Amino acid sequence: MSEPKPLEFSVVGEPLKRLLTELGNKLSREWPMKYKSLTGARELFVIHTRVAEQTFQAALYLCGDLPPDPRRKEGFAACMPPLNRALLDSLITVMFIMEDVRSRCEWFWESDWRESRLELDRYQNEYGQDPKWQTFLSQLSGMCDLGSQLTNLTPEQTANPKGLRSWLNAGAMWRYGVSPESLPPNRAFMKFLDDFFYIDLSQQCHLGGYGLTKRAGIFIDGAETLTNVEEQQRKYRHQQLGLTTVFVLAVATEIQNHFRFDIKQDVLYIWTIAKSSLSVAEELYEKRYRDLLGGS
């Protein structure tokens, strides 16, 4: 990648934080009537939005310069790949669900109940005879019972949780139900995100060979003596914070585009600022969000 341009993150950060707060409030207060009877759908989108907001604020603290804090280290940027991969998971998941909100939300909560019930089974097998665990097991069992009611699962389904559908991972969503040779535009964009961001961030999260080098090579013994280590750290911090900014903005854009709240111009304004300084923002804007927002 080329030399990063100077970026005052407060210029992007403050409007983006306000946008995420407003978007979460609109989802909560202006939920469309057509989804009114869809249990858990509003909560799903509100949670994705508010987690994105909190992740963005955490990233600004970990990788920012303000407010000054002697405890903040340049190396904190190495903590960012798991946060950015989670944001990318959120983005791809939101895009996938919005293809068919009703059926995908039902699938999501069915798979969620499946995992909670299988978790309960594991705890009961391991700690079911331990008196110290009985309160926890009772609470977890109660949550599973409530979840089965909210998801409208049948007695036959709850009797066989392993037979319920699992949720797809991000790398499988772009492939689901379509031919790889003729992907619709949203799936082609999801594939692009998987190929050039999700795989890379996963390598860094798992600290696999190449991912280990990219994320934490600066921590090897003797690295501090290299003449360009500080420059490499600075570029890596800029890169990771740029990814956070763009992924959070993309989540907000996808949700706004689907629900058509009255904040489209706010979204477009932030993209205009971000793409002037972040090459990754410019690339994603040109690939999808220019057309989605009708921008220039």
Protein backbone atom coordinates (compact mmCIF):
# COMPACT_ATOMS: atom_id res chain seq x y z
CA MET A 1 0.00 0.00 0.00
CA SER A 2 1.10 3.55 -0.60
CA GLU A 3 2.16 5.95 2.12
CA PRO A 4 -0.92 6.76 4.25
CA LYS A 5 -2.19 10.29 3.96
CA PRO A 6 -2.45 12.42 7.08
CA LEU A 7 -5.80 11.88 8.76
CA GLU A 8 -7.35 13.74 11.65
CA PHE A 9 -9.62 11.02 12.97
CA SER A 10 -11.68 13.46 14.99
CA VAL A 11 -12.89 14.91 11.68
CA VAL A 12 -14.34 11.52 10.75
CA GLY A 13 -14.73 10.12 14.24
CA GLU A 14 -17.14 12.60 15.77
CA PRO A 15 -19.63 12.60 12.87
CA LEU A 16 -19.41 8.81 12.62
CA LYS A 17 -20.06 8.31 16.34
CA ARG A 18 -23.08 10.63 16.13
CA LEU A 19 -24.32 8.75 13.05
CA LEU A 20 -24.10 5.38 14.80
CA THR A 21 -25.91 6.68 17.86
CA GLU A 22 -28.66 8.17 15.71
CA LEU A 23 -28.96 5.03 13.61
CA GLY A 24 -29.32 2.85 16.70
CA ASN A 25 -32.02 5.16 18.03
CA LYS A 26 -33.92 5.12 14.73
CA LEU A 27 -33.83 1.35 14.56
CA SER A 28 -35.19 1.22 18.09
CA ARG A 29 -37.85 3.91 17.72
CA GLU A 30 -38.79 3.85 14.02
CA TRP A 31 -38.85 0.11 13.38
CA PRO A 32 -40.87 -0.60 10.19
CA MET A 33 -44.38 -1.95 10.59
CA LYS A 34 -43.71 -4.70 8.02
CA TYR A 35 -41.27 -6.31 10.48
CA LYS A 36 -43.31 -5.58 13.60
CA SER A 37 -44.29 -9.20 14.17
CA LEU A 38 -40.80 -10.56 13.49
CA THR A 39 -39.46 -11.50 16.91
CA GLY A 40 -35.85 -10.51 17.53
CA ALA A 41 -35.27 -8.69 14.24
CA ARG A 42 -35.16 -5.16 15.64
CA GLU A 43 -32.94 -6.31 18.50
CA LEU A 44 -30.54 -7.97 16.07
CA PHE A 45 -29.99 -4.80 14.03
CA VAL A 46 -29.84 -2.54 17.08
CA ILE A 47 -27.18 -4.75 18.66
CA HIS A 48 -25.07 -4.85 15.50
CA THR A 49 -25.21 -1.05 15.29
CA ARG A 50 -24.35 -0.44 18.93
CA VAL A 51 -21.55 -3.00 18.99
CA ALA A 52 -20.09 -1.25 15.93
CA GLU A 53 -20.32 2.06 17.78
CA GLN A 54 -18.56 0.72 20.88
CA THR A 55 -15.89 -1.02 18.80
CA PHE A 56 -15.19 2.19 16.94
CA GLN A 57 -14.80 4.16 20.15
CA ALA A 58 -12.50 1.48 21.57
CA ALA A 59 -10.38 1.60 18.41
CA LEU A 60 -10.12 5.39 18.61
CA TYR A 61 -8.79 5.05 22.12
CA LEU A 62 -6.38 2.18 21.46
CA CYS A 63 -4.92 3.67 18.30
CA GLY A 64 -5.57 7.38 18.72
CA ASP A 65 -3.48 10.25 20.01
CA LEU A 66 -6.19 12.00 22.02
CA PRO A 67 -6.77 12.24 24.87
CA PRO A 68 -3.10 11.92 25.85
CA ASP A 69 -2.48 8.85 27.98
CA PRO A 70 0.99 7.58 28.92
CA ARG A 71 -0.44 4.07 29.23
CA ARG A 72 -1.29 3.96 25.52
CA LYS A 73 1.42 2.15 23.53
CA GLU A 74 2.05 2.12 19.80
CA GLY A 75 1.98 -1.67 19.96
CA PHE A 76 -1.68 -1.65 21.00
CA ALA A 77 -2.49 -1.64 17.29
CA ALA A 78 -1.63 -5.36 17.32
CA CYS A 79 -4.88 -5.86 19.27
CA MET A 80 -6.95 -4.52 16.39
CA PRO A 81 -7.25 -7.48 13.94
CA PRO A 82 -9.75 -9.41 16.14
CA LEU A 83 -11.87 -6.27 16.50
CA ASN A 84 -11.75 -5.59 12.78
CA ARG A 85 -12.57 -9.17 11.87
CA ALA A 86 -15.59 -9.01 14.20
CA LEU A 87 -16.72 -5.82 12.47
CA LEU A 88 -16.31 -7.47 9.09
CA ASP A 89 -18.32 -10.45 10.37
CA SER A 90 -21.01 -7.97 11.34
CA LEU A 91 -20.97 -6.25 7.95
CA ILE A 92 -21.25 -9.46 5.95
CA THR A 93 -23.89 -10.85 8.31
CA VAL A 94 -26.02 -7.70 8.02
CA MET A 95 -25.78 -7.82 4.23
CA PHE A 96 -26.75 -11.50 4.22
CA ILE A 97 -29.71 -11.06 6.54
CA MET A 98 -31.08 -8.10 4.61
CA GLU A 99 -31.46 -10.25 1.49
CA ASP A 100 -34.50 -11.76 3.22
CA VAL A 101 -34.96 -10.29 6.68
CA ARG A 102 -37.80 -12.53 7.76
CA SER A 103 -36.39 -15.93 6.86
CA ARG A 104 -32.78 -15.06 7.72
CA CYS A 105 -33.71 -13.72 11.16
CA GLU A 106 -35.64 -16.91 11.87
CA TRP A 107 -32.62 -18.91 10.75
CA PHE A 108 -30.27 -16.78 12.88
CA TRP A 109 -32.27 -17.23 16.10
CA GLU A 110 -32.84 -20.91 15.42
CA SER A 111 -29.08 -21.41 15.16
CA ASP A 112 -28.57 -19.24 18.23
CA TRP A 113 -30.90 -21.44 20.27
CA ARG A 114 -29.14 -24.53 18.91
CA GLU A 115 -25.79 -23.26 20.21
CA SER A 116 -27.18 -22.23 23.60
CA ARG A 117 -28.82 -25.63 24.07
CA LEU A 118 -25.67 -27.51 23.07
CA GLU A 119 -23.74 -25.32 25.51
CA LEU A 120 -26.20 -26.26 28.26
CA ASP A 121 -25.71 -29.94 27.44
CA ARG A 122 -21.93 -29.59 27.71
CA TYR A 123 -22.19 -27.85 31.09
CA GLN A 124 -24.66 -30.40 32.40
CA ASN A 125 -22.45 -33.29 31.32
CA GLU A 126 -19.42 -31.76 33.03
CA TYR A 127 -20.90 -30.07 36.10
CA GLY A 128 -24.42 -31.49 36.46
CA GLN A 129 -23.57 -33.32 39.69
CA ASP A 130 -21.68 -30.43 41.27
CA PRO A 131 -23.84 -28.51 43.81
CA LYS A 132 -21.87 -25.30 43.21
CA TRP A 133 -23.04 -25.20 39.59
CA GLN A 134 -26.75 -25.78 40.13
CA THR A 135 -27.80 -22.11 40.22
CA PHE A 136 -25.95 -21.36 36.99
CA LEU A 137 -27.30 -24.47 35.29
CA SER A 138 -30.83 -23.59 36.35
CA GLN A 139 -30.48 -20.07 34.94
CA LEU A 140 -29.03 -21.34 31.67
CA SER A 141 -31.79 -23.91 31.38
CA GLY A 142 -34.39 -21.19 31.93
CA MET A 143 -32.84 -19.09 29.18
CA CYS A 144 -32.98 -22.04 26.78
CA ASP A 145 -36.65 -22.62 27.62
CA LEU A 146 -37.44 -18.96 26.96
CA GLY A 147 -35.44 -19.01 23.74
CA SER A 148 -37.34 -22.00 22.39
CA GLN A 149 -40.61 -20.10 22.93
CA LEU A 150 -39.35 -16.91 21.26
CA THR A 151 -38.08 -18.80 18.22
CA ASN A 152 -41.33 -20.81 17.92
CA LEU A 153 -39.49 -24.10 17.81
CA THR A 154 -41.59 -27.24 17.90
CA PRO A 155 -41.18 -29.91 20.61
CA GLU A 156 -39.66 -32.16 17.94
CA GLN A 157 -37.06 -29.53 17.11
CA THR A 158 -36.11 -28.81 20.72
CA ALA A 159 -35.73 -32.54 21.33
CA ASN A 160 -32.99 -32.70 18.69
CA PRO A 161 -30.92 -29.50 18.80
CA LYS A 162 -28.15 -30.98 16.64
CA GLY A 163 -30.70 -31.33 13.86
CA LEU A 164 -31.33 -27.58 13.75
CA ARG A 165 -29.61 -25.31 11.25
CA SER A 166 -26.23 -23.80 12.07
CA TRP A 167 -25.46 -20.22 11.09
CA LEU A 168 -23.07 -19.71 8.20
CA ASN A 169 -19.65 -18.19 8.70
CA ALA A 170 -18.76 -15.06 6.74
CA GLY A 171 -16.77 -16.95 4.13
CA ALA A 172 -19.76 -19.18 3.31
CA MET A 173 -22.38 -16.43 3.04
CA TRP A 174 -21.32 -15.11 -0.36
CA ARG A 175 -21.54 -18.66 -1.77
CA TYR A 176 -24.93 -19.55 -0.30
CA GLY A 177 -27.56 -20.49 -2.88
CA VAL A 178 -25.79 -18.93 -5.88
CA SER A 179 -23.39 -19.95 -8.59
CA PRO A 180 -19.83 -18.62 -8.02
CA GLU A 181 -19.68 -17.94 -11.77
CA SER A 182 -22.64 -15.52 -11.73
CA LEU A 183 -22.71 -13.69 -8.44
CA PRO A 184 -25.19 -10.84 -7.96
CA PRO A 185 -23.55 -7.50 -7.06
CA ASN A 186 -23.99 -7.76 -3.30
CA ARG A 187 -22.54 -11.28 -3.25
CA ALA A 188 -19.62 -10.22 -5.44
CA PHE A 189 -18.87 -7.48 -2.93
CA MET A 190 -19.10 -9.96 -0.05
CA LYS A 191 -16.65 -12.22 -1.90
CA PHE A 192 -14.30 -9.27 -2.36
CA LEU A 193 -14.46 -8.55 1.38
CA ASP A 194 -13.74 -12.21 2.12
CA ASP A 195 -10.85 -12.50 -0.34
CA PHE A 196 -8.99 -9.33 0.55
CA PHE A 197 -9.92 -8.57 4.16
CA TYR A 198 -11.52 -11.45 6.03
CA ILE A 199 -8.91 -14.05 5.11
CA ASP A 200 -6.10 -11.65 5.99
CA LEU A 201 -7.64 -10.64 9.32
CA SER A 202 -8.35 -14.29 10.17
CA GLN A 203 -4.70 -15.16 9.58
CA GLN A 204 -3.69 -12.36 11.90
CA CYS A 205 -6.24 -13.33 14.55
CA HIS A 206 -5.12 -16.95 14.58
CA LEU A 207 -1.45 -15.93 14.50
CA GLY A 208 -0.74 -18.30 11.65
CA GLY A 209 2.63 -18.03 9.97
CA TYR A 210 2.15 -15.07 7.64
CA GLY A 211 -0.52 -13.56 9.87
CA LEU A 212 1.83 -13.79 12.85
CA THR A 213 4.45 -11.83 10.95
CA LYS A 214 2.07 -9.13 9.80
CA ARG A 215 0.43 -8.62 13.16
CA ALA A 216 3.27 -9.12 15.61
CA GLY A 217 6.59 -9.25 13.77
CA ILE A 218 7.62 -6.00 15.45
CA PHE A 219 7.67 -7.78 18.81
CA ILE A 220 10.44 -10.22 17.93
CA ASP A 221 13.68 -9.87 19.89
CA GLY A 222 15.85 -7.18 18.38
CA ALA A 223 13.08 -5.57 16.33
CA GLU A 224 13.44 -2.38 18.34
CA THR A 225 16.89 -1.87 16.87
CA LEU A 226 15.62 -1.70 13.30
CA THR A 227 15.74 1.77 11.84
CA ASN A 228 12.18 1.67 10.42
CA VAL A 229 10.30 -0.14 13.21
CA GLU A 230 8.54 3.01 14.42
CA GLU A 231 7.49 3.84 10.88
CA GLN A 232 6.14 0.32 10.39
CA GLN A 233 4.19 0.59 13.63
CA ARG A 234 2.76 3.94 12.56
CA LYS A 235 1.64 2.56 9.20
CA TYR A 236 0.12 -0.53 10.79
CA ARG A 237 -1.80 1.58 13.29
CA HIS A 238 -3.10 3.80 10.50
CA GLN A 239 -4.10 0.77 8.46
CA GLN A 240 -6.00 -0.93 11.27
CA LEU A 241 -7.80 2.22 12.38
CA GLY A 242 -8.69 2.89 8.76
CA LEU A 243 -10.24 -0.57 8.47
CA THR A 244 -12.24 0.00 11.64
CA THR A 245 -13.55 3.30 10.31
CA VAL A 246 -14.54 1.89 6.94
CA PHE A 247 -16.14 -1.31 8.25
CA VAL A 248 -18.21 0.61 10.81
CA LEU A 249 -19.28 3.11 8.17
CA ALA A 250 -20.16 0.27 5.80
CA VAL A 251 -22.36 -1.40 8.44
CA ALA A 252 -24.19 1.90 8.96
CA THR A 253 -24.54 2.41 5.20
CA GLU A 254 -26.00 -1.04 4.55
CA ILE A 255 -28.55 -0.62 7.34
CA GLN A 256 -29.47 2.89 6.24
CA ASN A 257 -29.87 1.75 2.63
CA HIS A 258 -32.26 -1.01 3.63
CA PHE A 259 -34.41 0.88 6.12
CA ARG A 260 -34.35 4.26 4.35
CA PHE A 261 -34.13 6.53 7.37
CA ASP A 262 -33.61 10.26 6.81
CA ILE A 263 -29.83 10.20 7.41
CA LYS A 264 -28.57 9.34 3.93
CA GLN A 265 -26.84 12.70 3.49
CA ASP A 266 -25.01 12.25 6.79
CA VAL A 267 -23.72 8.88 5.59
CA LEU A 268 -22.64 10.31 2.25
CA TYR A 269 -20.86 13.21 3.96
CA ILE A 270 -18.76 10.86 6.09
CA TRP A 271 -17.82 8.74 3.07
CA THR A 272 -16.68 11.92 1.32
CA ILE A 273 -14.37 12.77 4.21
CA ALA A 274 -13.10 9.24 4.70
CA LYS A 275 -12.27 8.49 1.08
CA SER A 276 -10.20 11.67 0.77
CA SER A 277 -7.67 10.26 3.26
CA LEU A 278 -8.16 6.50 3.37
CA SER A 279 -7.41 4.47 0.26
CA VAL A 280 -9.48 1.58 1.59
CA ALA A 281 -12.47 3.91 1.99
CA GLU A 282 -12.06 5.13 -1.57
CA GLU A 283 -11.86 1.56 -2.86
CA LEU A 284 -14.98 0.33 -1.05
CA TYR A 285 -16.87 3.48 -1.96
CA GLU A 286 -16.11 2.99 -5.66
CA LYS A 287 -16.90 -0.73 -5.55
CA ARG A 288 -20.30 -0.41 -3.86
CA TYR A 289 -21.27 2.66 -1.92
CA ARG A 290 -21.14 5.27 -4.66
CA ASP A 291 -23.97 3.48 -6.45
CA LEU A 292 -25.79 2.59 -3.25
CA LEU A 293 -25.84 6.21 -2.09
CA GLY A 294 -26.10 7.90 -5.47
CA GLY A 295 -22.96 9.88 -4.75
CA SER A 296 -20.35 11.36 -7.04
